[in-house]
């Protein structure tokens, strides 16, 4: 496989992932972004924890979809993430005023 073939494959995978995101975003309530992944979910709980003087975040999500083109199954019933980095949680606007652009 040439470098060009690999690049074309990855571009197609990213486009497929974007299309899947566009199709499912409307069924989720929250967007959660960690240093490693981007998630959509319907329930999220973030707790700051301290252990041995270090602070980390425990993020629990229910009914989640993960943005990861190399993952064969992107839907998960329960997800738990532990991270020392920032966590961003946004509530999605469920209004009909905003639509995800169609490709």
Protein backbone atom coordinates (compact mmCIF):
# COMPACT_ATOMS: atom_id res chain seq x y z
CA UNK A 1 0.00 0.00 0.00
CA UNK A 2 1.45 3.33 -1.03
CA UNK A 3 1.45 6.48 1.07
CA UNK A 4 -1.09 7.95 -1.34
CA UNK A 5 -3.39 4.92 -0.91
CA UNK A 6 -3.11 5.19 2.86
CA UNK A 7 -3.92 8.90 2.79
CA UNK A 8 -6.93 8.25 0.55
CA UNK A 9 -8.14 5.49 2.89
CA UNK A 10 -7.84 7.74 5.96
CA UNK A 11 -9.67 10.57 4.18
CA UNK A 12 -12.52 8.21 3.30
CA UNK A 13 -12.65 6.94 6.90
CA UNK A 14 -12.83 10.52 8.24
CA UNK A 15 -15.64 11.37 5.80
CA UNK A 16 -17.56 8.24 6.83
CA UNK A 17 -17.09 9.17 10.50
CA UNK A 18 -18.32 12.71 9.88
CA UNK A 19 -21.41 11.39 8.10
CA UNK A 20 -22.14 9.07 11.01
CA UNK A 21 -21.70 11.99 13.44
CA UNK A 22 -24.11 14.10 11.38
CA UNK A 23 -26.68 11.29 11.47
CA UNK A 24 -26.51 10.69 15.24
CA UNK A 25 -25.82 14.11 16.81
CA UNK A 26 -29.53 14.87 17.11
CA UNK A 27 -30.16 12.01 19.53
CA UNK A 28 -27.64 13.19 22.14
CA UNK A 29 -27.82 15.87 24.82
CA UNK A 30 -24.12 16.54 25.60
CA UNK A 31 -20.77 16.92 23.88
CA UNK A 32 -17.80 15.87 26.00
CA UNK A 33 -14.23 16.60 24.92
CA UNK A 34 -11.19 15.15 26.66
CA UNK A 35 -7.54 15.31 25.68
CA UNK A 36 -7.88 11.99 23.80
CA UNK A 37 -11.46 11.71 22.56
CA UNK A 38 -14.65 13.51 21.57
CA UNK A 39 -17.96 12.03 22.79
CA UNK A 40 -21.66 12.56 22.38
CA UNK A 41 -23.80 11.31 25.27
CA UNK A 42 -27.13 11.68 27.01
CA UNK A 43 -25.85 11.79 30.58
CA UNK A 44 -22.50 12.99 31.93
CA UNK A 45 -20.99 13.39 35.38
CA UNK A 46 -17.57 14.98 35.99
CA UNK A 47 -15.91 14.67 39.38
CA UNK A 48 -12.59 16.19 40.39
CA UNK A 49 -10.60 13.69 42.46
CA UNK A 50 -7.45 14.12 44.52
CA UNK A 51 -5.04 11.32 45.26
CA UNK A 52 -1.55 11.71 46.70
CA UNK A 53 -1.69 15.46 45.99
CA UNK A 54 -2.56 14.99 42.30
CA UNK A 55 -5.87 16.21 40.90
CA UNK A 56 -7.58 14.25 38.13
CA UNK A 57 -11.05 14.10 36.62
CA UNK A 58 -13.37 11.12 36.58
CA UNK A 59 -15.86 11.46 33.73
CA UNK A 60 -18.81 9.05 33.59
CA UNK A 61 -21.07 8.98 30.53
CA UNK A 62 -24.20 7.02 29.66
CA UNK A 63 -25.49 6.23 26.17
CA UNK A 64 -22.38 7.49 24.43
CA UNK A 65 -21.01 7.73 20.90
CA UNK A 66 -17.25 8.18 20.49
CA UNK A 67 -15.49 9.99 17.63
CA UNK A 68 -12.81 7.46 16.70
CA UNK A 69 -12.40 6.30 13.12
CA UNK A 70 -10.38 3.24 14.13
CA UNK A 71 -13.00 1.92 16.55
CA UNK A 72 -15.32 -0.71 15.02
CA UNK A 73 -18.21 0.03 17.44
CA UNK A 74 -18.65 3.68 18.33
CA UNK A 75 -21.75 3.32 20.54
CA UNK A 76 -21.26 2.44 24.23
CA UNK A 77 -23.79 2.09 27.03
CA UNK A 78 -21.39 3.32 29.74
CA UNK A 79 -18.04 5.08 29.46
CA UNK A 80 -15.66 6.10 32.24
CA UNK A 81 -12.63 8.29 31.54
CA UNK A 82 -9.88 9.23 33.99
CA UNK A 83 -7.73 12.16 32.93
CA UNK A 84 -5.28 14.68 34.37
CA UNK A 85 -6.10 17.12 31.55
CA UNK A 86 -9.01 19.47 30.95
CA UNK A 87 -12.52 18.18 30.25
CA UNK A 88 -15.02 20.24 28.28
CA UNK A 89 -18.75 19.50 28.60
CA UNK A 90 -21.34 21.34 26.51
CA UNK A 91 -25.08 20.87 26.46
CA UNK A 92 -26.36 20.63 22.91
CA UNK A 93 -29.15 22.92 21.82
CA UNK A 94 -32.13 20.67 21.07
CA UNK A 95 -33.86 23.47 19.16
CA UNK A 96 -34.97 23.01 15.58
CA UNK A 97 -33.34 26.38 14.79
CA UNK A 98 -29.90 24.81 14.37
CA UNK A 99 -29.21 22.10 11.84
CA UNK A 100 -26.03 20.19 11.15
CA UNK A 101 -24.95 20.94 7.56
CA UNK A 102 -25.70 18.23 5.02
CA UNK A 103 -22.76 17.00 2.95
